[in-house]
Structure formats: C-alpha cells, structure tokens
C-alpha cells in the first residue's frame, strides 16, 4: 500500500512542473474593426440582469427603419451565435420611434408573424425587415420580431 501511495505522490509532485514563471504579459486584446468586413466584438458576462453567462461574444448593431438614415438605433450586446443565420432582435429592445417606422411584413394583405423556439422559451411576434449596419460601410436587411 505504501508503495502505491509513494508512486502516486511522486507522479503528483512531478506534475507540478516547478512553476517559477510569472505568467508573462496578459492582455484582454483589442480589435478596432477597421476592415470592411469586420466588427468590434466584446467578450464579457453580458448585459445587466443576465445570469450565468460568462465569456460570451457580443457586438453592437445599428438598426434603421427602411429608407431612413436618421430613424436608427444602436443595439448593444447582441449575442454572436455562430450556429444560426441572420439577425433576430426582439421588439422590446427597440425604441418606439424605430418600431413605428418598421411597419410589418405583409403577404396577401395579411401580417406575417413568427414563432421562434429557444431552449428556455419562445418568442412570438410580427416580422419586419429593417436595415442594419454591421460594419460602417455595409448595410443588410434583417428580420425583427
């Protein structure tokens, strides 16, 4: 029994490696998003009120009413989800002026609504197609519900 304990203790001590180093210079890094197809990303615990979120990637997205350069809003802390496509912003994240300017998507004179299921619940609401600015030089249409 002593022999097994001695061997385990030697293996444990040899795994320590001595340390000795100070860890070098650590940096949070910085990306200014200066190229045409890049955007500044923040990695943190998310907006206030979110619990259990650590080291998640977020971006800020500017959303405008279609055809408007002044009726816009920048939405901070939009979670980057590499497993999904498109952009989904809940209406509760947008101001009243922008919501009024969005209108609604219509098919055969009927409003298009959408249900989206998530791991912790669902969202239900109208669909619209505002203009979004990811990098400053690029515009894309996205879905809001």
C-alpha atoms as a PDB file:
ATOM      1  CA  UNK A   1       0.000   0.000   0.000  1.00  0.00           C
ATOM      2  CA  UNK A   2       2.875   2.350   0.883  1.00  0.00           C
ATOM      3  CA  UNK A   3       4.444   1.696  -2.483  1.00  0.00           C
ATOM      4  CA  UNK A   4       1.253   2.719  -4.362  1.00  0.00           C
ATOM      5  CA  UNK A   5       0.886   5.873  -2.267  1.00  0.00           C
ATOM      6  CA  UNK A   6       4.562   6.732  -2.847  1.00  0.00           C
ATOM      7  CA  UNK A   7       4.209   6.295  -6.616  1.00  0.00           C
ATOM      8  CA  UNK A   8       1.037   8.408  -6.700  1.00  0.00           C
ATOM      9  CA  UNK A   9       2.718  11.111  -4.624  1.00  0.00           C
ATOM     10  CA  UNK A  10       5.752  11.188  -6.948  1.00  0.00           C
ATOM     11  CA  UNK A  11       3.512  11.443 -10.019  1.00  0.00           C
ATOM     12  CA  UNK A  12       1.531  14.224  -8.394  1.00  0.00           C
ATOM     13  CA  UNK A  13       4.644  16.200  -7.471  1.00  0.00           C
ATOM     14  CA  UNK A  14       6.227  15.721 -10.900  1.00  0.00           C
ATOM     15  CA  UNK A  15       3.106  17.186 -12.498  1.00  0.00           C
ATOM     16  CA  UNK A  16       3.642  20.465 -10.674  1.00  0.00           C
ATOM     17  CA  UNK A  17       6.426  21.483 -13.049  1.00  0.00           C
ATOM     18  CA  UNK A  18       8.018  23.867 -10.590  1.00  0.00           C
ATOM     19  CA  UNK A  19       6.107  26.982 -11.649  1.00  0.00           C
ATOM     20  CA  UNK A  20       8.731  29.693 -11.473  1.00  0.00           C
ATOM     21  CA  UNK A  21       7.291  31.803 -14.296  1.00  0.00           C
ATOM     22  CA  UNK A  22       5.247  34.936 -13.762  1.00  0.00           C
ATOM     23  CA  UNK A  23       2.692  34.057 -16.450  1.00  0.00           C
ATOM     24  CA  UNK A  24       4.021  36.624 -18.915  1.00  0.00           C
ATOM     25  CA  UNK A  25       2.096  39.656 -20.039  1.00  0.00           C
ATOM     26  CA  UNK A  26      -1.631  39.046 -20.238  1.00  0.00           C
ATOM     27  CA  UNK A  27      -3.888  41.275 -22.298  1.00  0.00           C
ATOM     28  CA  UNK A  28      -7.615  41.414 -22.929  1.00  0.00           C
ATOM     29  CA  UNK A  29      -6.814  42.266 -26.533  1.00  0.00           C
ATOM     30  CA  UNK A  30      -8.387  44.879 -28.736  1.00  0.00           C
ATOM     31  CA  UNK A  31      -9.920  44.787 -32.181  1.00  0.00           C
ATOM     32  CA  UNK A  32     -10.970  48.089 -33.674  1.00  0.00           C
ATOM     33  CA  UNK A  33     -12.967  46.546 -36.505  1.00  0.00           C
ATOM     34  CA  UNK A  34     -11.173  48.636 -39.105  1.00  0.00           C
ATOM     35  CA  UNK A  35     -11.664  46.489 -42.223  1.00  0.00           C
ATOM     36  CA  UNK A  36     -14.748  46.454 -44.447  1.00  0.00           C
ATOM     37  CA  UNK A  37     -15.924  43.058 -43.243  1.00  0.00           C
ATOM     38  CA  UNK A  38     -15.192  43.214 -39.523  1.00  0.00           C
ATOM     39  CA  UNK A  39     -16.888  44.473 -36.418  1.00  0.00           C
ATOM     40  CA  UNK A  40     -15.657  45.221 -32.914  1.00  0.00           C
ATOM     41  CA  UNK A  41     -16.510  42.369 -30.564  1.00  0.00           C
ATOM     42  CA  UNK A  42     -16.839  42.440 -26.786  1.00  0.00           C
ATOM     43  CA  UNK A  43     -16.391  39.302 -24.698  1.00  0.00           C
ATOM     44  CA  UNK A  44     -17.903  39.601 -21.231  1.00  0.00           C
ATOM     45  CA  UNK A  45     -20.737  38.394 -18.996  1.00  0.00           C
ATOM     46  CA  UNK A  46     -23.411  40.223 -20.978  1.00  0.00           C
ATOM     47  CA  UNK A  47     -25.896  42.967 -20.217  1.00  0.00           C
ATOM     48  CA  UNK A  48     -27.016  43.602 -16.655  1.00  0.00           C
ATOM     49  CA  UNK A  49     -29.677  41.216 -15.444  1.00  0.00           C
ATOM     50  CA  UNK A  50     -28.271  38.228 -17.354  1.00  0.00           C
ATOM     51  CA  UNK A  51     -27.175  35.476 -15.001  1.00  0.00           C
ATOM     52  CA  UNK A  52     -24.926  32.517 -15.685  1.00  0.00           C
ATOM     53  CA  UNK A  53     -23.346  33.994 -18.827  1.00  0.00           C
ATOM     54  CA  UNK A  54     -19.552  34.106 -18.924  1.00  0.00           C
ATOM     55  CA  UNK A  55     -17.140  34.938 -21.747  1.00  0.00           C
ATOM     56  CA  UNK A  56     -19.768  35.272 -24.466  1.00  0.00           C
ATOM     57  CA  UNK A  57     -19.094  37.258 -27.682  1.00  0.00           C
ATOM     58  CA  UNK A  58     -21.267  40.350 -28.260  1.00  0.00           C
ATOM     59  CA  UNK A  59     -21.414  43.053 -30.942  1.00  0.00           C
ATOM     60  CA  UNK A  60     -23.289  46.331 -31.336  1.00  0.00           C
ATOM     61  CA  UNK A  61     -25.619  46.580 -34.343  1.00  0.00           C
ATOM     62  CA  UNK A  62     -27.220  49.751 -35.722  1.00  0.00           C
ATOM     63  CA  UNK A  63     -30.774  49.149 -36.955  1.00  0.00           C
ATOM     64  CA  UNK A  64     -32.617  51.712 -39.126  1.00  0.00           C
ATOM     65  CA  UNK A  65     -36.154  51.988 -40.444  1.00  0.00           C
ATOM     66  CA  UNK A  66     -36.183  51.075 -44.161  1.00  0.00           C
ATOM     67  CA  UNK A  67     -35.136  54.034 -46.309  1.00  0.00           C
ATOM     68  CA  UNK A  68     -34.198  56.189 -43.305  1.00  0.00           C
ATOM     69  CA  UNK A  69     -30.750  57.388 -42.316  1.00  0.00           C
ATOM     70  CA  UNK A  70     -31.969  59.203 -39.199  1.00  0.00           C
ATOM     71  CA  UNK A  71     -34.522  56.840 -37.604  1.00  0.00           C
ATOM     72  CA  UNK A  72     -31.878  54.460 -36.272  1.00  0.00           C
ATOM     73  CA  UNK A  73     -30.888  52.826 -33.013  1.00  0.00           C
ATOM     74  CA  UNK A  74     -27.717  51.041 -31.963  1.00  0.00           C
ATOM     75  CA  UNK A  75     -28.476  47.844 -30.062  1.00  0.00           C
ATOM     76  CA  UNK A  76     -25.625  46.935 -27.724  1.00  0.00           C
ATOM     77  CA  UNK A  77     -24.726  43.407 -26.614  1.00  0.00           C
ATOM     78  CA  UNK A  78     -26.219  41.418 -29.493  1.00  0.00           C
ATOM     79  CA  UNK A  79     -25.039  37.860 -28.880  1.00  0.00           C
ATOM     80  CA  UNK A  80     -22.926  36.378 -31.679  1.00  0.00           C
ATOM     81  CA  UNK A  81     -24.354  32.928 -32.391  1.00  0.00           C
ATOM     82  CA  UNK A  82     -22.233  31.053 -34.902  1.00  0.00           C
ATOM     83  CA  UNK A  83     -24.810  28.271 -35.105  1.00  0.00           C
ATOM     84  CA  UNK A  84     -27.558  30.496 -36.507  1.00  0.00           C
ATOM     85  CA  UNK A  85     -28.149  32.643 -39.569  1.00  0.00           C
ATOM     86  CA  UNK A  86     -29.465  36.169 -39.825  1.00  0.00           C
ATOM     87  CA  UNK A  87     -30.169  38.694 -37.113  1.00  0.00           C
ATOM     88  CA  UNK A  88     -33.051  38.483 -34.662  1.00  0.00           C
ATOM     89  CA  UNK A  89     -33.831  41.445 -32.417  1.00  0.00           C
ATOM     90  CA  UNK A  90     -36.833  41.460 -30.118  1.00  0.00           C
ATOM     91  CA  UNK A  91     -39.133  44.469 -30.414  1.00  0.00           C
ATOM     92  CA  UNK A  92     -38.648  45.156 -26.698  1.00  0.00           C
ATOM     93  CA  UNK A  93     -35.015  46.108 -27.445  1.00  0.00           C
ATOM     94  CA  UNK A  94     -36.055  48.879 -29.884  1.00  0.00           C
ATOM     95  CA  UNK A  95     -37.367  52.376 -29.188  1.00  0.00           C
ATOM     96  CA  UNK A  96     -40.944  53.410 -30.076  1.00  0.00           C
ATOM     97  CA  UNK A  97     -39.896  55.680 -32.958  1.00  0.00           C
ATOM     98  CA  UNK A  98     -37.991  52.918 -34.712  1.00  0.00           C
ATOM     99  CA  UNK A  99     -40.762  50.367 -34.104  1.00  0.00           C
ATOM    100  CA  UNK A 100     -43.312  52.719 -35.674  1.00  0.00           C
ATOM    101  CA  UNK A 101     -41.048  53.201 -38.706  1.00  0.00           C
ATOM    102  CA  UNK A 102     -40.594  49.482 -39.279  1.00  0.00           C
ATOM    103  CA  UNK A 103     -44.151  48.648 -40.206  1.00  0.00           C
ATOM    104  CA  UNK A 104     -44.838  44.971 -40.710  1.00  0.00           C
ATOM    105  CA  UNK A 105     -44.177  42.405 -43.375  1.00  0.00           C
ATOM    106  CA  UNK A 106     -47.311  41.578 -45.400  1.00  0.00           C
ATOM    107  CA  UNK A 107     -48.180  38.636 -47.642  1.00  0.00           C
ATOM    108  CA  UNK A 108     -51.519  38.740 -49.484  1.00  0.00           C
ATOM    109  CA  UNK A 109     -52.559  41.705 -47.288  1.00  0.00           C
ATOM    110  CA  UNK A 110     -52.003  39.670 -44.134  1.00  0.00           C
ATOM    111  CA  UNK A 111     -49.394  40.424 -41.491  1.00  0.00           C
ATOM    112  CA  UNK A 112     -46.563  37.901 -41.223  1.00  0.00           C
ATOM    113  CA  UNK A 113     -45.899  36.705 -37.676  1.00  0.00           C
ATOM    114  CA  UNK A 114     -43.293  34.295 -36.476  1.00  0.00           C
ATOM    115  CA  UNK A 115     -42.727  31.941 -33.576  1.00  0.00           C
ATOM    116  CA  UNK A 116     -39.172  31.077 -32.558  1.00  0.00           C
ATOM    117  CA  UNK A 117     -38.337  28.387 -30.032  1.00  0.00           C
ATOM    118  CA  UNK A 118     -35.340  28.672 -27.728  1.00  0.00           C
ATOM    119  CA  UNK A 119     -34.026  26.328 -25.042  1.00  0.00           C
ATOM    120  CA  UNK A 120     -35.712  28.388 -22.315  1.00  0.00           C
ATOM    121  CA  UNK A 121     -38.921  29.509 -24.028  1.00  0.00           C
ATOM    122  CA  UNK A 122     -40.398  31.015 -27.184  1.00  0.00           C
ATOM    123  CA  UNK A 123     -40.899  34.390 -28.828  1.00  0.00           C
ATOM    124  CA  UNK A 124     -43.922  35.314 -30.911  1.00  0.00           C
ATOM    125  CA  UNK A 125     -44.429  38.465 -32.894  1.00  0.00           C
ATOM    126  CA  UNK A 126     -44.603  40.325 -36.166  1.00  0.00           C
ATOM    127  CA  UNK A 127     -41.809  40.201 -38.707  1.00  0.00           C
ATOM    128  CA  UNK A 128     -40.315  43.269 -40.332  1.00  0.00           C
ATOM    129  CA  UNK A 129     -37.256  43.998 -42.437  1.00  0.00           C
ATOM    130  CA  UNK A 130     -35.250  46.968 -41.144  1.00  0.00           C
ATOM    131  CA  UNK A 131     -31.853  47.939 -42.492  1.00  0.00           C
ATOM    132  CA  UNK A 132     -28.895  47.102 -40.273  1.00  0.00           C
ATOM    133  CA  UNK A 133     -25.351  48.454 -40.322  1.00  0.00           C
ATOM    134  CA  UNK A 134     -22.787  45.952 -39.138  1.00  0.00           C
ATOM    135  CA  UNK A 135     -19.514  47.458 -40.188  1.00  0.00           C
ATOM    136  CA  UNK A 136     -19.975  51.137 -41.014  1.00  0.00           C
ATOM    137  CA  UNK A 137     -19.660  50.547 -44.771  1.00  0.00           C
ATOM    138  CA  UNK A 138     -22.093  47.663 -45.173  1.00  0.00           C
ATOM    139  CA  UNK A 139     -25.871  47.503 -44.931  1.00  0.00           C
ATOM    140  CA  UNK A 140     -28.001  44.408 -44.787  1.00  0.00           C
ATOM    141  CA  UNK A 141     -31.651  43.631 -44.270  1.00  0.00           C
ATOM    142  CA  UNK A 142     -32.523  41.684 -41.150  1.00  0.00           C
ATOM    143  CA  UNK A 143     -35.611  40.261 -39.505  1.00  0.00           C
ATOM    144  CA  UNK A 144     -37.099  41.754 -36.340  1.00  0.00           C
ATOM    145  CA  UNK A 145     -39.863  40.069 -34.406  1.00  0.00           C
END
